[in-house]
Amino acid sequence: MMKIPVMVIDDETVDRYTAKRRLDKHGGFEEVVEVCSGDQFLESYCTEKNGLQPHRPLLILIDINMPGRNGFETIAELENRQKLGIAPQAVVVMMFTSSGNPKDKAAAASFSLVRGYIEKPLDAAGAEELYQIYRAAFPNIVDETA
């Protein structure tokens, strides 16, 4: 089974931990890279000096409400940096939040990079949904044996 590279961007340690455990249990994901803010993600992976170039498209789970740059502001900046060629081009972004607010869902839907909305805490069905969404977004990626 192909292992999906995944990053969780969330300021809550317990939410990152829970997501990491659930994705590990699923078995279809590489080891989770944890980042605690949108600013840290952009600084670490979306600059000219250290642009992230994964060998496969990256799955990003991002919280909406974080100190500093929120999830939506981070995605907007990620899109800007993609245009500049200093951010990963092939990404599947999933909003990862405890907010069931329809305004948040509408805002998420306004971004071309955002493929969906997963509510916390991540459960087994959510992990499988992430796997299927990623596979649907990149159907041309051939299964590899892990």
N, C-alpha and C. Protein backbone atom coordinates (compact mmCIF):
# COMPACT_ATOMS: atom_id res chain seq x y z
N MET A 1 0.84 -1.19 0.00
CA MET A 1 0.00 0.00 0.00
C MET A 1 0.88 1.24 0.00
N MET A 2 0.48 2.23 -0.79
CA MET A 2 1.21 3.49 -0.85
C MET A 2 1.07 4.23 0.48
N LYS A 3 2.18 4.79 0.96
CA LYS A 3 2.14 5.60 2.17
C LYS A 3 2.08 7.07 1.78
N ILE A 4 1.14 7.78 2.36
CA ILE A 4 0.92 9.18 2.02
C ILE A 4 1.71 10.08 2.96
N PRO A 5 2.52 11.01 2.42
CA PRO A 5 3.22 11.97 3.27
C PRO A 5 2.20 12.97 3.84
N VAL A 6 2.26 13.20 5.15
CA VAL A 6 1.24 14.02 5.78
C VAL A 6 1.86 14.98 6.80
N MET A 7 1.27 16.18 6.86
CA MET A 7 1.69 17.20 7.82
C MET A 7 0.45 17.70 8.55
N VAL A 8 0.56 17.82 9.87
CA VAL A 8 -0.52 18.36 10.68
C VAL A 8 -0.07 19.72 11.21
N ILE A 9 -0.84 20.76 10.88
CA ILE A 9 -0.54 22.12 11.34
C ILE A 9 -1.63 22.50 12.33
N ASP A 10 -1.26 22.53 13.61
CA ASP A 10 -2.24 22.77 14.67
C ASP A 10 -1.50 23.25 15.91
N ASP A 11 -2.05 24.26 16.58
CA ASP A 11 -1.39 24.79 17.77
C ASP A 11 -1.66 23.93 19.02
N GLU A 12 -2.62 23.02 18.94
CA GLU A 12 -2.96 22.18 20.10
C GLU A 12 -2.19 20.87 20.06
N THR A 13 -1.31 20.68 21.05
CA THR A 13 -0.50 19.47 21.12
C THR A 13 -1.35 18.21 21.12
N VAL A 14 -2.43 18.22 21.91
CA VAL A 14 -3.27 17.02 22.01
C VAL A 14 -3.94 16.69 20.68
N ASP A 15 -4.32 17.70 19.91
CA ASP A 15 -4.94 17.45 18.60
C ASP A 15 -3.93 16.88 17.61
N ARG A 16 -2.70 17.39 17.65
CA ARG A 16 -1.65 16.83 16.78
C ARG A 16 -1.37 15.38 17.17
N TYR A 17 -1.28 15.12 18.47
CA TYR A 17 -0.99 13.78 18.97
C TYR A 17 -2.09 12.80 18.56
N THR A 18 -3.34 13.20 18.77
CA THR A 18 -4.48 12.33 18.43
C THR A 18 -4.49 12.02 16.93
N ALA A 19 -4.27 13.03 16.10
CA ALA A 19 -4.24 12.83 14.65
C ALA A 19 -3.09 11.89 14.26
N LYS A 20 -1.94 12.12 14.85
CA LYS A 20 -0.76 11.29 14.57
C LYS A 20 -1.03 9.83 14.91
N ARG A 21 -1.60 9.58 16.08
CA ARG A 21 -1.91 8.22 16.51
C ARG A 21 -2.91 7.55 15.55
N ARG A 22 -3.94 8.30 15.18
CA ARG A 22 -4.98 7.74 14.32
C ARG A 22 -4.42 7.43 12.93
N LEU A 23 -3.60 8.32 12.40
CA LEU A 23 -3.02 8.10 11.07
C LEU A 23 -2.02 6.94 11.11
N ASP A 24 -1.26 6.83 12.21
CA ASP A 24 -0.35 5.69 12.37
C ASP A 24 -1.12 4.37 12.37
N LYS A 25 -2.24 4.35 13.10
CA LYS A 25 -3.06 3.13 13.18
C LYS A 25 -3.63 2.74 11.82
N HIS A 26 -3.97 3.74 11.01
CA HIS A 26 -4.55 3.47 9.68
C HIS A 26 -3.57 2.66 8.84
N GLY A 27 -2.31 3.04 8.87
CA GLY A 27 -1.28 2.32 8.13
C GLY A 27 -0.98 2.84 6.74
N GLY A 28 -1.80 3.78 6.26
CA GLY A 28 -1.61 4.27 4.90
C GLY A 28 -0.85 5.58 4.82
N PHE A 29 -0.32 6.03 5.95
CA PHE A 29 0.34 7.34 5.99
C PHE A 29 1.78 7.20 6.48
N GLU A 30 2.65 8.05 5.93
CA GLU A 30 4.02 8.11 6.43
C GLU A 30 4.00 8.74 7.82
N GLU A 31 5.15 8.76 8.47
CA GLU A 31 5.22 9.39 9.78
C GLU A 31 4.78 10.85 9.67
N VAL A 32 3.92 11.25 10.58
CA VAL A 32 3.32 12.59 10.55
C VAL A 32 4.37 13.64 10.91
N VAL A 33 4.44 14.68 10.09
CA VAL A 33 5.26 15.85 10.42
C VAL A 33 4.33 16.82 11.14
N GLU A 34 4.74 17.24 12.34
CA GLU A 34 3.91 18.14 13.13
C GLU A 34 4.48 19.56 13.10
N VAL A 35 3.59 20.52 12.88
CA VAL A 35 3.96 21.93 12.90
C VAL A 35 2.91 22.64 13.74
N CYS A 36 3.35 23.56 14.63
CA CYS A 36 2.41 24.13 15.60
C CYS A 36 1.81 25.48 15.19
N SER A 37 2.16 25.99 14.01
CA SER A 37 1.51 27.23 13.56
C SER A 37 1.64 27.38 12.05
N GLY A 38 0.73 28.18 11.49
CA GLY A 38 0.81 28.47 10.06
C GLY A 38 2.10 29.20 9.72
N ASP A 39 2.50 30.12 10.60
CA ASP A 39 3.74 30.86 10.36
C ASP A 39 4.95 29.92 10.34
N GLN A 40 4.97 28.96 11.28
CA GLN A 40 6.08 28.01 11.32
C GLN A 40 6.12 27.17 10.05
N PHE A 41 4.95 26.74 9.58
CA PHE A 41 4.88 25.96 8.34
C PHE A 41 5.45 26.77 7.17
N LEU A 42 4.99 28.01 7.03
CA LEU A 42 5.43 28.84 5.91
C LEU A 42 6.93 29.11 5.98
N GLU A 43 7.43 29.39 7.20
CA GLU A 43 8.85 29.69 7.37
C GLU A 43 9.71 28.45 7.12
N SER A 44 9.22 27.29 7.55
CA SER A 44 10.02 26.07 7.44
C SER A 44 9.96 25.42 6.06
N TYR A 45 8.83 25.58 5.36
CA TYR A 45 8.65 24.80 4.14
C TYR A 45 8.34 25.61 2.89
N CYS A 46 8.12 26.91 3.03
CA CYS A 46 7.68 27.69 1.86
C CYS A 46 8.50 28.95 1.69
N THR A 47 9.82 28.81 1.73
CA THR A 47 10.70 29.94 1.44
C THR A 47 11.70 29.49 0.39
N GLU A 48 12.36 30.46 -0.23
CA GLU A 48 13.31 30.11 -1.28
C GLU A 48 14.43 29.23 -0.75
N LYS A 49 14.85 29.48 0.51
CA LYS A 49 16.00 28.73 1.01
C LYS A 49 15.64 27.31 1.44
N ASN A 50 14.38 27.06 1.79
CA ASN A 50 14.06 25.71 2.23
C ASN A 50 12.67 25.27 1.78
N GLY A 51 12.40 25.48 0.51
CA GLY A 51 11.13 25.02 -0.04
C GLY A 51 11.01 23.51 0.05
N LEU A 52 9.85 23.05 0.45
CA LEU A 52 9.63 21.62 0.60
C LEU A 52 9.33 21.01 -0.75
N GLN A 53 10.12 20.05 -1.15
CA GLN A 53 9.88 19.37 -2.42
C GLN A 53 9.74 17.88 -2.15
N PRO A 54 8.58 17.47 -1.66
CA PRO A 54 8.41 16.05 -1.37
C PRO A 54 8.40 15.24 -2.66
N HIS A 55 8.78 13.96 -2.53
CA HIS A 55 8.82 13.11 -3.72
C HIS A 55 7.41 12.76 -4.18
N ARG A 56 6.43 12.95 -3.32
CA ARG A 56 5.03 12.74 -3.70
C ARG A 56 4.22 13.92 -3.18
N PRO A 57 3.02 14.11 -3.72
CA PRO A 57 2.17 15.20 -3.22
C PRO A 57 1.93 15.07 -1.72
N LEU A 58 1.82 16.20 -1.07
CA LEU A 58 1.72 16.26 0.39
C LEU A 58 0.28 16.47 0.83
N LEU A 59 -0.13 15.71 1.85
CA LEU A 59 -1.43 15.92 2.49
C LEU A 59 -1.20 16.82 3.69
N ILE A 60 -1.96 17.93 3.74
CA ILE A 60 -1.84 18.88 4.86
C ILE A 60 -3.17 18.93 5.60
N LEU A 61 -3.12 18.66 6.90
CA LEU A 61 -4.27 18.88 7.78
C LEU A 61 -3.99 20.17 8.52
N ILE A 62 -4.88 21.14 8.40
CA ILE A 62 -4.60 22.44 9.03
C ILE A 62 -5.79 22.92 9.84
N ASP A 63 -5.49 23.32 11.06
CA ASP A 63 -6.49 23.89 11.96
C ASP A 63 -6.88 25.28 11.46
N ILE A 64 -8.10 25.70 11.74
CA ILE A 64 -8.52 27.05 11.35
C ILE A 64 -8.07 28.07 12.38
N ASN A 65 -8.41 27.83 13.64
CA ASN A 65 -8.15 28.83 14.69
C ASN A 65 -6.81 28.57 15.37
N MET A 66 -5.83 29.41 15.02
CA MET A 66 -4.50 29.32 15.62
C MET A 66 -4.02 30.74 15.90
N PRO A 67 -3.16 30.88 16.91
CA PRO A 67 -2.57 32.20 17.14
C PRO A 67 -1.70 32.60 15.94
N GLY A 68 -1.53 33.89 15.75
CA GLY A 68 -0.77 34.36 14.58
C GLY A 68 -1.65 34.20 13.35
N ARG A 69 -1.08 33.65 12.31
CA ARG A 69 -1.79 33.44 11.05
C ARG A 69 -2.76 32.28 11.22
N ASN A 70 -4.05 32.49 10.94
CA ASN A 70 -4.99 31.38 11.08
C ASN A 70 -4.89 30.45 9.86
N GLY A 71 -5.67 29.38 9.87
CA GLY A 71 -5.59 28.40 8.79
C GLY A 71 -5.89 28.98 7.43
N PHE A 72 -6.92 29.82 7.35
CA PHE A 72 -7.28 30.41 6.05
C PHE A 72 -6.20 31.36 5.56
N GLU A 73 -5.64 32.17 6.46
CA GLU A 73 -4.57 33.10 6.07
C GLU A 73 -3.33 32.31 5.62
N THR A 74 -3.08 31.19 6.29
CA THR A 74 -1.93 30.34 5.91
C THR A 74 -2.13 29.77 4.52
N ILE A 75 -3.34 29.29 4.22
CA ILE A 75 -3.61 28.73 2.89
C ILE A 75 -3.50 29.80 1.81
N ALA A 76 -4.01 31.00 2.10
CA ALA A 76 -3.90 32.10 1.13
C ALA A 76 -2.44 32.40 0.84
N GLU A 77 -1.60 32.40 1.89
CA GLU A 77 -0.18 32.67 1.70
C GLU A 77 0.51 31.50 0.98
N LEU A 78 0.09 30.28 1.28
CA LEU A 78 0.62 29.11 0.58
C LEU A 78 0.34 29.23 -0.92
N GLU A 79 -0.88 29.63 -1.27
CA GLU A 79 -1.22 29.82 -2.69
C GLU A 79 -0.33 30.90 -3.32
N ASN A 80 -0.11 32.01 -2.60
CA ASN A 80 0.77 33.07 -3.12
C ASN A 80 2.17 32.53 -3.37
N ARG A 81 2.69 31.76 -2.40
CA ARG A 81 4.05 31.24 -2.52
C ARG A 81 4.15 30.16 -3.59
N GLN A 82 3.07 29.43 -3.82
CA GLN A 82 3.09 28.47 -4.94
C GLN A 82 3.29 29.21 -6.26
N LYS A 83 2.61 30.34 -6.42
CA LYS A 83 2.74 31.14 -7.64
C LYS A 83 4.17 31.63 -7.83
N LEU A 84 4.86 31.86 -6.71
CA LEU A 84 6.25 32.31 -6.76
C LEU A 84 7.23 31.15 -6.92
N GLY A 85 6.72 29.92 -6.83
CA GLY A 85 7.57 28.75 -6.99
C GLY A 85 8.38 28.40 -5.76
N ILE A 86 7.96 28.89 -4.58
CA ILE A 86 8.73 28.61 -3.37
C ILE A 86 7.92 27.80 -2.35
N ALA A 87 6.91 27.10 -2.83
CA ALA A 87 6.10 26.25 -1.96
C ALA A 87 5.78 24.97 -2.71
N PRO A 88 5.50 23.90 -1.97
CA PRO A 88 5.13 22.65 -2.65
C PRO A 88 3.94 22.87 -3.57
N GLN A 89 4.03 22.40 -4.79
CA GLN A 89 2.96 22.60 -5.77
C GLN A 89 1.86 21.58 -5.62
N ALA A 90 2.22 20.34 -5.32
CA ALA A 90 1.24 19.26 -5.26
C ALA A 90 0.85 19.01 -3.81
N VAL A 91 -0.27 19.57 -3.42
CA VAL A 91 -0.75 19.40 -2.05
C VAL A 91 -2.25 19.12 -2.04
N VAL A 92 -2.68 18.38 -1.04
CA VAL A 92 -4.09 18.22 -0.73
C VAL A 92 -4.26 18.83 0.65
N VAL A 93 -5.02 19.91 0.74
CA VAL A 93 -5.24 20.59 2.02
C VAL A 93 -6.61 20.20 2.55
N MET A 94 -6.64 19.77 3.80
CA MET A 94 -7.89 19.46 4.49
C MET A 94 -7.97 20.35 5.73
N MET A 95 -9.08 21.04 5.88
CA MET A 95 -9.29 21.81 7.10
C MET A 95 -9.52 20.79 8.21
N PHE A 96 -8.86 21.01 9.35
CA PHE A 96 -8.90 20.07 10.46
C PHE A 96 -9.29 20.88 11.69
N THR A 97 -10.56 20.79 12.09
CA THR A 97 -11.04 21.76 13.06
C THR A 97 -12.16 21.23 13.92
N SER A 98 -12.37 21.87 15.04
CA SER A 98 -13.51 21.52 15.89
C SER A 98 -14.70 22.42 15.57
N SER A 99 -14.52 23.33 14.62
CA SER A 99 -15.59 24.26 14.26
C SER A 99 -16.54 23.65 13.24
N GLY A 100 -17.81 23.60 13.59
CA GLY A 100 -18.81 23.17 12.63
C GLY A 100 -19.51 24.37 12.00
N ASN A 101 -18.93 25.56 12.18
CA ASN A 101 -19.51 26.81 11.72
C ASN A 101 -19.67 26.81 10.19
N PRO A 102 -20.91 27.02 9.70
CA PRO A 102 -21.11 27.06 8.24
C PRO A 102 -20.26 28.12 7.54
N LYS A 103 -19.96 29.23 8.22
CA LYS A 103 -19.11 30.26 7.60
C LYS A 103 -17.70 29.71 7.37
N ASP A 104 -17.20 28.92 8.34
CA ASP A 104 -15.88 28.32 8.17
C ASP A 104 -15.89 27.33 7.01
N LYS A 105 -16.96 26.54 6.91
CA LYS A 105 -17.05 25.57 5.81
C LYS A 105 -17.11 26.28 4.47
N ALA A 106 -17.85 27.39 4.41
CA ALA A 106 -17.94 28.17 3.17
C ALA A 106 -16.58 28.78 2.83
N ALA A 107 -15.89 29.30 3.82
CA ALA A 107 -14.56 29.88 3.59
C ALA A 107 -13.60 28.81 3.09
N ALA A 108 -13.66 27.63 3.69
CA ALA A 108 -12.79 26.52 3.26
C ALA A 108 -13.06 26.17 1.79
N ALA A 109 -14.33 26.16 1.42
CA ALA A 109 -14.71 25.80 0.05
C ALA A 109 -14.26 26.84 -0.97
N SER A 110 -13.94 28.05 -0.51
CA SER A 110 -13.54 29.10 -1.45
C SER A 110 -12.10 28.95 -1.93
N PHE A 111 -11.33 28.07 -1.31
CA PHE A 111 -9.93 27.86 -1.70
C PHE A 111 -9.82 26.66 -2.62
N SER A 112 -9.14 26.84 -3.75
CA SER A 112 -8.99 25.72 -4.68
C SER A 112 -8.13 24.60 -4.09
N LEU A 113 -7.21 24.93 -3.19
CA LEU A 113 -6.34 23.91 -2.60
C LEU A 113 -7.08 23.02 -1.59
N VAL A 114 -8.15 23.54 -1.00
CA VAL A 114 -8.84 22.81 0.07
C VAL A 114 -9.77 21.77 -0.54
N ARG A 115 -9.55 20.52 -0.17
CA ARG A 115 -10.35 19.41 -0.72
C ARG A 115 -11.44 18.95 0.23
N GLY A 116 -11.43 19.44 1.48
CA GLY A 116 -12.46 18.98 2.40
C GLY A 116 -12.26 19.50 3.81
N TYR A 117 -13.07 18.96 4.69
CA TYR A 117 -13.22 19.50 6.03
C TYR A 117 -13.38 18.31 6.97
N ILE A 118 -12.44 18.12 7.86
CA ILE A 118 -12.48 17.00 8.81
C ILE A 118 -12.61 17.57 10.21
N GLU A 119 -13.60 17.10 10.94
CA GLU A 119 -13.79 17.59 12.31
C GLU A 119 -12.98 16.78 13.30
N LYS A 120 -12.51 17.48 14.34
CA LYS A 120 -11.75 16.86 15.42
C LYS A 120 -12.72 16.22 16.40
N PRO A 121 -12.29 15.22 17.12
CA PRO A 121 -11.01 14.52 16.95
C PRO A 121 -11.06 13.58 15.75
N LEU A 122 -9.90 13.34 15.15
CA LEU A 122 -9.83 12.46 14.00
C LEU A 122 -10.13 11.03 14.45
N ASP A 123 -11.06 10.38 13.76
CA ASP A 123 -11.37 8.99 14.09
C ASP A 123 -10.99 8.10 12.90
N ALA A 124 -11.26 6.80 13.04
CA ALA A 124 -10.86 5.85 11.99
C ALA A 124 -11.54 6.18 10.66
N ALA A 125 -12.82 6.54 10.71
CA ALA A 125 -13.54 6.89 9.48
C ALA A 125 -12.92 8.13 8.84
N GLY A 126 -12.53 9.10 9.66
CA GLY A 126 -11.89 10.32 9.15
C GLY A 126 -10.56 10.02 8.49
N ALA A 127 -9.76 9.13 9.10
CA ALA A 127 -8.47 8.75 8.53
C ALA A 127 -8.67 8.08 7.17
N GLU A 128 -9.66 7.20 7.07
CA GLU A 128 -9.93 6.53 5.80
C GLU A 128 -10.44 7.53 4.76
N GLU A 129 -11.26 8.49 5.21
CA GLU A 129 -11.74 9.53 4.30
C GLU A 129 -10.56 10.34 3.75
N LEU A 130 -9.61 10.70 4.60
CA LEU A 130 -8.41 11.42 4.15
C LEU A 130 -7.66 10.61 3.10
N TYR A 131 -7.52 9.32 3.36
CA TYR A 131 -6.81 8.45 2.43
C TYR A 131 -7.50 8.43 1.07
N GLN A 132 -8.82 8.30 1.09
CA GLN A 132 -9.58 8.23 -0.16
C GLN A 132 -9.58 9.55 -0.92
N ILE A 133 -9.68 10.67 -0.20
CA ILE A 133 -9.65 11.99 -0.84
C ILE A 133 -8.30 12.21 -1.53
N TYR A 134 -7.23 11.84 -0.84
CA TYR A 134 -5.90 11.98 -1.42
C TYR A 134 -5.77 11.12 -2.68
N ARG A 135 -6.22 9.86 -2.60
CA ARG A 135 -6.14 8.96 -3.74
C ARG A 135 -6.96 9.50 -4.92
N ALA A 136 -8.12 10.09 -4.63
CA ALA A 136 -8.96 10.65 -5.69
C ALA A 136 -8.30 11.88 -6.31
N ALA A 137 -7.58 12.66 -5.49
CA ALA A 137 -6.92 13.87 -5.99
C ALA A 137 -5.73 13.53 -6.88
N PHE A 138 -5.06 12.41 -6.57
CA PHE A 138 -3.86 12.01 -7.32
C PHE A 138 -3.99 10.56 -7.78
N PRO A 139 -4.96 10.29 -8.68
CA PRO A 139 -5.20 8.90 -9.10
C PRO A 139 -4.06 8.31 -9.92
N ASN A 140 -3.21 9.17 -10.46
CA ASN A 140 -2.12 8.70 -11.31
C ASN A 140 -0.93 8.19 -10.50
N ILE A 141 -0.98 8.33 -9.18
CA ILE A 141 0.12 7.84 -8.36
C ILE A 141 -0.05 6.34 -8.20
N VAL A 142 0.94 5.63 -8.66
CA VAL A 142 0.87 4.17 -8.65
C VAL A 142 1.15 3.66 -7.24
N ASP A 143 0.41 2.66 -6.84
CA ASP A 143 0.66 2.04 -5.53
C ASP A 143 2.08 1.52 -5.46
N GLU A 144 2.68 1.72 -4.33
CA GLU A 144 4.03 1.22 -4.10
C GLU A 144 3.95 0.33 -2.87
N THR A 145 4.83 -0.61 -2.79
CA THR A 145 4.86 -1.40 -1.56
C THR A 145 5.72 -0.65 -0.56
N ALA A 146 5.20 -0.55 0.64
CA ALA A 146 5.90 0.21 1.69
C ALA A 146 7.09 -0.55 2.19
